Protein backbone atom coordinates (compact mmCIF):
# COMPACT_ATOMS: atom_id res chain seq x y z
CA MET A 1 92.97 37.24 27.87
CA PRO A 2 95.59 40.02 27.67
CA SER A 3 95.02 40.33 23.94
CA ARG A 4 91.25 40.66 24.48
CA ILE A 5 91.73 43.37 27.14
CA SER A 6 94.09 45.32 24.88
CA SER A 7 91.58 45.03 22.06
CA MET A 8 88.81 46.37 24.32
CA LYS A 9 90.95 49.32 25.32
CA SER A 10 91.68 50.06 21.71
CA PHE A 11 87.98 50.01 20.87
CA ARG A 12 87.23 52.33 23.79
CA GLN A 13 89.84 54.80 22.58
CA LEU A 14 88.40 54.74 19.06
CA GLY A 15 84.88 55.23 20.36
CA PHE A 16 83.52 52.02 18.81
CA LEU A 17 82.70 50.35 22.12
CA LYS A 18 80.94 52.13 25.00
CA LEU A 19 79.71 49.22 27.15
CA HIS A 20 81.79 47.04 29.44
CA PHE A 21 81.41 43.33 29.56
CA ARG A 22 79.74 42.34 32.79
CA GLY A 23 82.02 39.43 33.23
CA ASP A 24 85.19 41.57 33.06
CA PRO A 25 86.38 42.14 36.67
CA GLN A 26 89.16 44.50 35.59
CA ALA A 27 86.65 46.78 33.82
CA GLN A 28 84.44 46.76 36.90
CA GLU A 29 87.43 47.68 39.03
CA GLU A 30 88.27 50.54 36.68
CA ASP A 31 84.68 51.86 36.93
CA ARG A 32 84.77 51.65 40.70
CA VAL A 33 88.06 53.59 40.86
CA LEU A 34 86.74 56.23 38.47
CA ASN A 35 83.58 56.65 40.54
CA LEU A 36 85.66 56.97 43.70
CA PHE A 37 87.80 59.71 42.15
CA ARG A 38 84.71 61.47 40.83
CA ASN A 39 82.97 61.36 44.21
CA ARG A 40 86.16 62.52 45.92
CA ALA A 41 86.40 65.54 43.60
CA GLU A 42 82.76 66.43 44.20
CA LEU A 43 83.21 66.12 47.96
CA LYS A 44 86.29 68.34 47.87
CA LYS A 45 84.40 70.96 45.88
CA ALA A 46 81.45 70.87 48.29
CA TYR A 47 83.82 71.07 51.25
CA GLY A 48 85.56 74.11 49.77
CA GLU A 49 82.24 75.86 49.23
CA LEU A 50 81.20 75.10 52.81
CA GLN A 51 84.51 76.46 54.08
CA LYS A 52 83.96 79.70 52.16
CA GLU A 53 80.44 79.98 53.58
CA VAL A 54 81.75 79.40 57.11
CA TYR A 55 84.39 82.14 56.68
CA ARG A 56 81.76 84.51 55.29
CA LEU A 57 79.39 83.86 58.19
CA LYS A 58 82.20 84.28 60.71
CA ASP A 59 83.09 87.61 59.13
CA ARG A 60 79.47 88.73 59.31
CA ILE A 61 79.32 87.68 62.96
CA LYS A 62 82.42 89.76 63.71
CA GLN A 63 80.94 92.75 61.94
CA GLN A 64 77.66 92.35 63.82
CA GLU A 65 79.50 91.98 67.10
CA GLY A 66 81.38 95.20 66.35
CA ALA A 67 78.17 97.04 65.51
CA THR A 68 76.51 95.69 68.65
CA GLN A 69 79.47 96.76 70.77
CA ARG A 70 79.40 100.26 69.27
CA ALA A 71 75.67 100.53 69.97
CA GLN A 72 76.21 99.40 73.55
CA ASP A 73 79.01 101.94 73.98
CA MET A 74 76.79 104.70 72.62
CA LEU A 75 73.98 103.63 74.95
CA ALA A 76 76.32 103.60 77.92
CA THR A 77 77.61 107.06 76.99
CA LEU A 78 74.06 108.37 76.63
CA GLU A 79 73.08 106.92 80.00
CA GLY A 80 76.07 108.64 81.56
CA GLN A 81 75.13 111.95 79.94
CA LEU A 82 71.51 111.75 81.05
CA ALA A 83 72.55 110.97 84.60
CA PHE A 84 73.70 114.56 85.23
CA GLY A 85 71.91 117.80 84.54
CA GLU A 86 74.89 119.59 83.02
CA THR A 87 75.21 116.92 80.32
CA ALA A 88 71.57 115.81 80.06
CA TYR A 89 70.29 119.06 78.60
CA PRO A 90 72.94 119.28 75.86
CA ALA A 91 72.13 115.66 74.97
CA LEU A 92 68.45 116.52 74.67
CA VAL A 93 69.27 119.46 72.41
CA PHE A 94 71.60 117.28 70.33
CA TYR A 95 69.01 114.60 69.61
CA GLN A 96 66.23 117.12 69.05
CA LEU A 97 68.39 118.83 66.44
CA ARG A 98 68.98 115.49 64.75
CA ARG A 99 65.23 114.90 64.77
CA LEU A 100 64.67 118.33 63.19
CA TRP A 101 67.03 117.40 60.39
CA ARG A 102 65.24 114.06 59.85
CA THR A 103 61.90 115.85 59.79
CA GLY A 104 63.08 118.11 56.98
CA ARG A 105 64.38 115.14 55.03
CA GLU A 106 61.18 113.16 55.56
CA LEU A 107 59.08 116.08 54.33
CA ILE A 108 61.11 116.30 51.12
CA GLU A 109 61.03 112.51 50.71
CA GLN A 110 57.26 112.55 51.04
CA LEU A 111 57.00 115.28 48.40
CA VAL A 112 59.22 113.34 45.99
CA ALA A 113 57.28 110.12 46.63
CA ASP A 114 53.91 111.80 46.02
CA LEU A 115 55.06 113.53 42.85
CA SER A 116 56.74 110.37 41.58
CA ARG A 117 53.65 108.25 42.21
CA ARG A 118 51.36 110.67 40.39
CA GLN A 119 53.78 111.13 37.50
CA ASP A 120 54.31 107.39 37.23
CA GLN A 121 50.57 106.87 37.03
CA ARG A 122 50.19 109.53 34.31
CA GLU A 123 53.08 108.31 32.20
CA ARG A 124 52.09 104.66 32.66
CA GLN A 125 48.56 105.42 31.46
CA HIS A 126 49.98 107.37 28.52
CA HIS A 127 52.30 104.43 27.75
CA PHE A 128 49.40 101.97 27.60
CA ALA A 129 47.22 104.42 25.66
CA GLU A 130 50.01 104.96 23.13
CA HIS A 131 50.47 101.21 22.77
CA HIS A 132 46.74 100.80 22.22
CA ARG A 133 46.74 103.60 19.64
CA ARG A 134 49.63 102.10 17.69
CA GLN A 135 48.11 98.63 17.91
CA THR A 136 44.74 99.92 16.69
CA ALA A 137 46.38 101.64 13.71
CA ARG A 138 48.28 98.48 12.83
CA LEU A 139 45.15 96.36 13.23
CA GLN A 140 43.23 98.64 10.90
CA ALA A 141 45.96 98.31 8.25
CA ALA A 142 46.12 94.54 8.80
CA ASP A 143 42.31 94.24 8.58
CA GLN A 144 42.41 96.13 5.29
CA GLN A 145 44.98 93.66 4.00
CA VAL A 146 42.75 90.77 5.12
CA ARG A 147 39.75 92.21 3.31
CA GLU A 148 41.77 92.70 0.12
CA ALA A 149 43.17 89.17 0.43
CA GLU A 150 39.63 87.81 0.91
CA LYS A 151 38.42 89.60 -2.23
CA ARG A 152 41.35 88.28 -4.23
CA ALA A 153 40.89 84.76 -2.90
CA ALA A 154 37.16 84.86 -3.70
CA ALA A 155 37.86 86.15 -7.20
CA THR A 156 40.46 83.48 -7.92
CA ARG A 157 38.19 80.74 -6.58
CA ALA A 158 35.36 82.01 -8.76
CA ALA A 159 37.59 82.08 -11.84
CA LEU A 160 38.82 78.57 -11.11
CA SER A 161 35.27 77.32 -10.57
CA GLU A 162 34.19 78.87 -13.86
CA LEU A 163 36.99 77.15 -15.76
CA GLU A 164 36.27 73.81 -14.10
CA ALA A 165 32.56 74.18 -14.86
CA GLN A 166 33.40 75.00 -18.47
CA ARG A 167 35.56 71.90 -18.71
CA ALA A 168 32.81 69.80 -17.17
CA ARG A 169 30.41 70.91 -19.87
CA LEU A 170 32.81 69.77 -22.56
CA ASN A 171 32.03 66.09 -22.07
CA ARG A 172 31.55 65.00 -25.63
CA LEU A 173 34.02 63.11 -27.70
CA TRP A 174 34.46 65.96 -30.15
CA HIS A 175 35.28 68.33 -27.24
CA TYR A 176 38.60 66.55 -26.67
CA PHE A 177 40.78 69.34 -28.02
CA LYS A 178 38.74 72.03 -26.27
CA ARG A 179 39.18 70.24 -22.96
CA GLY A 180 42.91 70.03 -23.62
CA ALA A 181 43.03 73.75 -24.25
CA LEU A 182 41.66 74.37 -20.75
CA VAL A 183 44.39 72.41 -18.95
CA GLN A 184 46.90 75.25 -18.89
CA PRO A 185 44.39 77.98 -17.84
CA ILE A 186 43.01 75.74 -15.07
CA ALA A 187 46.53 75.03 -13.77
CA ALA A 188 47.33 78.74 -13.75
CA ALA A 189 44.03 79.55 -12.06
CA THR A 190 44.67 76.83 -9.45
CA ALA A 191 48.12 78.25 -8.66
CA GLU A 192 46.68 81.73 -8.41
CA ALA A 193 43.90 80.53 -6.10
CA GLU A 194 46.40 78.72 -3.89
CA ALA A 195 48.61 81.84 -3.73
CA ALA A 196 45.59 83.97 -2.83
CA ALA A 197 44.58 81.50 -0.11
CA SER A 198 48.13 81.53 1.27
CA ALA A 199 48.15 85.33 1.28
CA LEU A 200 44.81 85.34 3.08
CA LYS A 201 46.16 82.93 5.68
CA GLU A 202 49.26 85.09 6.24
CA ALA A 203 47.15 88.25 6.55
CA THR A 204 44.87 86.56 9.08
CA ALA A 205 47.88 85.29 11.05
CA GLY A 206 49.28 88.82 11.00
CA VAL A 207 46.10 90.16 12.59
CA GLU A 208 46.20 87.47 15.28
CA ALA A 209 49.89 88.19 15.96
CA ILE A 210 49.19 91.89 16.44
CA GLN A 211 46.30 91.09 18.79
CA LYS A 212 48.52 88.81 20.89
CA GLU A 213 51.43 91.24 21.13
CA PRO A 214 52.16 92.05 24.80
CA VAL A 215 52.47 95.61 25.98
CA ALA A 216 56.09 96.71 26.15
CA ALA A 217 57.44 97.11 29.66
CA PHE A 218 56.99 100.60 31.07
CA PRO A 219 60.45 102.25 30.92
CA GLY A 220 59.85 104.40 33.99
CA ILE A 221 59.43 108.08 34.57
CA SER A 222 60.97 110.22 31.85
CA VAL A 223 64.13 112.24 32.35
CA GLU A 224 62.21 115.52 32.05
CA ALA A 225 59.72 114.42 34.71
CA ARG A 226 62.48 113.34 37.10
CA ARG A 227 64.20 116.69 36.58
CA ALA A 228 60.98 118.52 37.38
CA ILE A 229 60.48 116.44 40.55
CA ASN A 230 64.07 117.05 41.63
CA LEU A 231 63.69 120.80 41.12
CA ALA A 232 60.56 120.70 43.27
CA ALA A 233 62.54 118.87 45.97
CA ILE A 234 65.30 121.47 45.82
CA ALA A 235 62.72 124.25 45.97
CA TYR A 236 61.11 122.62 49.03
CA ALA A 237 64.52 122.34 50.71
CA GLU A 238 65.06 126.06 50.11
CA ALA A 239 61.57 126.82 51.44
CA LEU A 240 62.29 124.89 54.66
CA CYS A 241 65.54 126.82 55.07
CA ALA A 242 63.68 130.08 54.45
CA ARG A 243 61.20 129.24 57.20
CA LEU A 244 64.07 128.77 59.65
CA SER A 245 66.15 131.73 58.45
CA GLY A 246 67.56 133.81 61.28
CA THR A 247 67.35 130.95 63.85
CA GLY A 248 70.63 129.21 63.10
CA LEU A 249 68.92 125.86 63.62
CA VAL A 250 69.70 124.45 60.19
CA LYS A 251 73.42 124.93 60.77
CA LEU A 252 73.18 123.41 64.26
CA ALA A 253 71.12 120.47 62.96
CA ARG A 254 73.63 119.83 60.18
CA ALA A 255 76.45 119.80 62.74
CA ALA A 256 74.50 117.43 65.00
CA THR A 257 74.04 114.92 62.17
CA SER A 258 77.80 114.86 61.60
CA TYR A 259 78.43 113.17 64.97
CA ARG A 260 77.22 109.96 66.56
CA GLU A 261 77.53 111.29 70.08
CA VAL A 262 76.99 114.63 71.77
CA SER A 263 80.05 116.67 70.87
CA ASP A 264 78.88 120.28 70.99
CA GLU A 265 78.26 122.49 73.95
CA TYR A 266 74.90 124.20 73.78
CA GLY A 267 75.37 126.40 76.80
CA SER A 268 73.81 126.35 80.23
CA ARG A 269 70.56 124.70 81.22
CA SER A 270 68.61 127.86 80.47
CA ASP A 271 70.32 128.13 77.07
CA CYS A 272 69.42 124.52 76.28
CA GLU A 273 65.83 125.06 77.35
CA GLY A 274 65.63 128.09 75.08
CA LEU A 275 67.08 126.06 72.18
CA MET A 276 64.58 123.26 72.77
CA GLU A 277 61.73 125.74 72.64
CA GLN A 278 63.10 127.08 69.34
CA ILE A 279 63.40 123.55 67.98
CA GLU A 280 59.83 122.78 68.96
CA ARG A 281 58.59 125.89 67.18
CA ALA A 282 60.78 125.03 64.19
CA GLN A 283 59.22 121.56 63.98
CA ILE A 284 55.77 123.14 63.82
CA THR A 285 56.95 125.75 61.32
CA ILE A 286 58.48 123.40 58.76
CA GLN A 287 55.59 120.95 58.99
CA SER A 288 53.03 123.66 58.29
CA ARG A 289 51.34 123.21 54.90
CA SER A 290 50.33 126.87 54.64
CA ASN A 291 51.21 128.25 51.18
CA VAL A 292 53.81 125.52 50.72
CA ALA A 293 52.57 124.52 47.26
CA GLN A 294 52.69 128.09 45.96
CA GLU A 295 56.17 128.65 47.38
CA ILE A 296 57.50 125.42 45.86
CA LYS A 297 56.03 126.34 42.49
CA SER A 298 57.46 129.85 42.46
CA ARG A 299 60.91 128.64 43.48
CA THR A 300 60.79 125.78 40.95
CA ASP A 301 59.86 128.16 38.13
CA ARG A 302 62.82 130.40 38.97
CA LEU A 303 65.26 127.51 39.23
CA ARG A 304 64.13 126.08 35.91
CA GLY A 305 65.25 129.29 34.25
CA TRP A 306 68.98 128.81 34.84
CA VAL A 307 69.92 125.39 36.25
CA ARG A 308 72.27 123.31 34.11
CA TYR A 309 73.08 119.61 33.79
CA ARG A 310 76.44 118.00 33.11
CA ASN A 311 74.87 115.65 30.57
CA PRO A 312 71.74 117.34 29.17
CA ALA A 313 70.51 114.03 27.75
CA VAL A 314 70.51 111.80 30.85
CA ASP A 315 71.37 113.68 34.06
CA THR A 316 68.42 114.37 36.36
CA ALA A 317 70.19 116.26 39.17
CA PRO A 318 71.46 119.73 38.23
CA ILE A 319 75.01 120.92 38.74
CA PRO A 320 75.10 122.28 42.32
CA GLU A 321 76.81 125.50 41.27
CA SER A 322 74.07 126.18 38.72
CA LEU A 323 71.53 126.73 41.51
CA ASN A 324 73.04 130.18 41.96
CA SER A 325 71.14 132.82 40.08
CA PRO A 326 72.74 134.53 37.07
CA HIS A 327 73.32 137.51 39.39
CA GLY A 328 75.85 135.53 41.42
CA GLY A 329 74.07 134.12 44.47
CA PRO A 330 71.45 131.61 45.59
CA GLN A 331 67.86 132.66 45.33
CA GLY A 332 66.15 133.58 48.55
CA GLY A 333 62.60 133.32 47.34
CA PRO A 334 59.67 135.12 48.89
CA GLY A 335 60.69 137.34 51.75
CA SER A 336 64.41 137.32 50.95
CA GLN A 337 66.35 140.49 50.35
CA GLY A 338 67.82 139.90 46.94
CA THR A 339 70.62 137.73 45.63
CA GLN A 340 73.39 140.16 44.76
CA GLY A 341 76.87 139.10 45.71
CA GLY A 342 78.36 135.65 46.09
CA GLY A 343 81.08 133.74 47.84
CA GLU A 344 80.79 132.88 51.49
CA ALA A 345 78.01 135.36 52.18
CA ALA A 346 75.83 133.66 49.60
CA THR A 347 75.87 130.42 51.59
CA THR A 348 75.36 131.87 55.03
CA GLU A 349 72.01 130.91 56.48
CA GLY A 350 69.71 133.88 56.95
CA SER A 351 72.09 136.31 55.28
CA SER A 352 70.85 139.22 53.26
CA THR A 353 71.98 137.51 50.07
CA GLY A 354 69.37 134.77 50.32
CA MET A 355 69.26 131.06 50.98
CA PRO A 356 72.23 128.68 51.10
CA ASN A 357 72.95 126.45 48.13
CA VAL A 358 71.04 123.47 49.49
CA LEU A 359 72.45 121.12 46.85
CA SER A 360 76.10 122.04 47.39
CA GLU A 361 75.68 121.76 51.15
CA ASP A 362 73.47 118.65 50.89
CA THR A 363 70.94 120.26 53.20
CA TRP A 364 68.35 117.78 54.54
CA ASP A 365 70.43 114.98 52.92
CA LEU A 366 69.10 116.17 49.57
CA PHE A 367 71.35 113.97 47.43
CA LYS A 368 69.82 110.84 48.98
CA VAL A 369 66.32 112.06 48.14
CA LEU A 370 66.73 113.17 44.54
CA LEU A 371 65.70 110.82 41.76
CA ARG A 372 68.41 109.36 39.57
């Protein structure tokens, strides 16, 4: 028995024997132990994965609890501010300023979305039309090849048929040598006919392959189109700033978005009421569609004349500093008083040098809106 077991082990090592004898209890015990170890390893792996998932979920719960606690603290702070008149009015101004900022961003986002949708539709249609044009040209060339292959196949079949008919007519005993002389031409004609038939089959398959070719995936809006849309967004941001020039609201709204809670003093109750009236008028002003298309176009045309890109091949957002005109300052657009000078005065809202550099200052969260 020991010699047989050692022989079986040797065969297993050499790969000549893969099956165990059913009557061998030691082999069955070995299989059972191996299965136990295998199951144990799988269970340990599954347990480790479950442990990792538990830790991940616990971490997410802690993060969510922290976010919930912060929201509750903010709500409690807001309730305390609204409970008293001297803090309620500044809170109202604070959140109305934040809403003004969001309104400006939403207007620019809507413009970018509308332009992107229309440009996507145009370029997608052009993409499919170009594919159809190329496919039609290839089909015409392939059809021409099919017609030529058909003519050649018909000619070779006719030549072969003529030779075979000629051999069939030579059916007399004294035609023996003449029939023998036709063997080589008939073999050559047969090979030529088979080659022509094969070429015709390949040409036909080529036509079918072209017809079944799927349209290549649309690569998306071109770089030039995305640049044009981004310039329109920048121009719109400048137009919104121009409509609020002299009010100081853009600067106040930017400051309000930098804090989660009311942190600025907006003056007395009468001062806050005056600010809220200005904010209400500003909301109406920036949402007005009067002459907005013409203003965006004129500003976009001017920007296109001098903006630069870090990588002219792929970048879609211009270098912020390149928004400044060649004369040294940001463009103010219609109604502004020139763009001479630079430095700090060039970025002061409502200054005589024009509009702020909306891209450098990320006015209306412009960087989040621009296409990449």
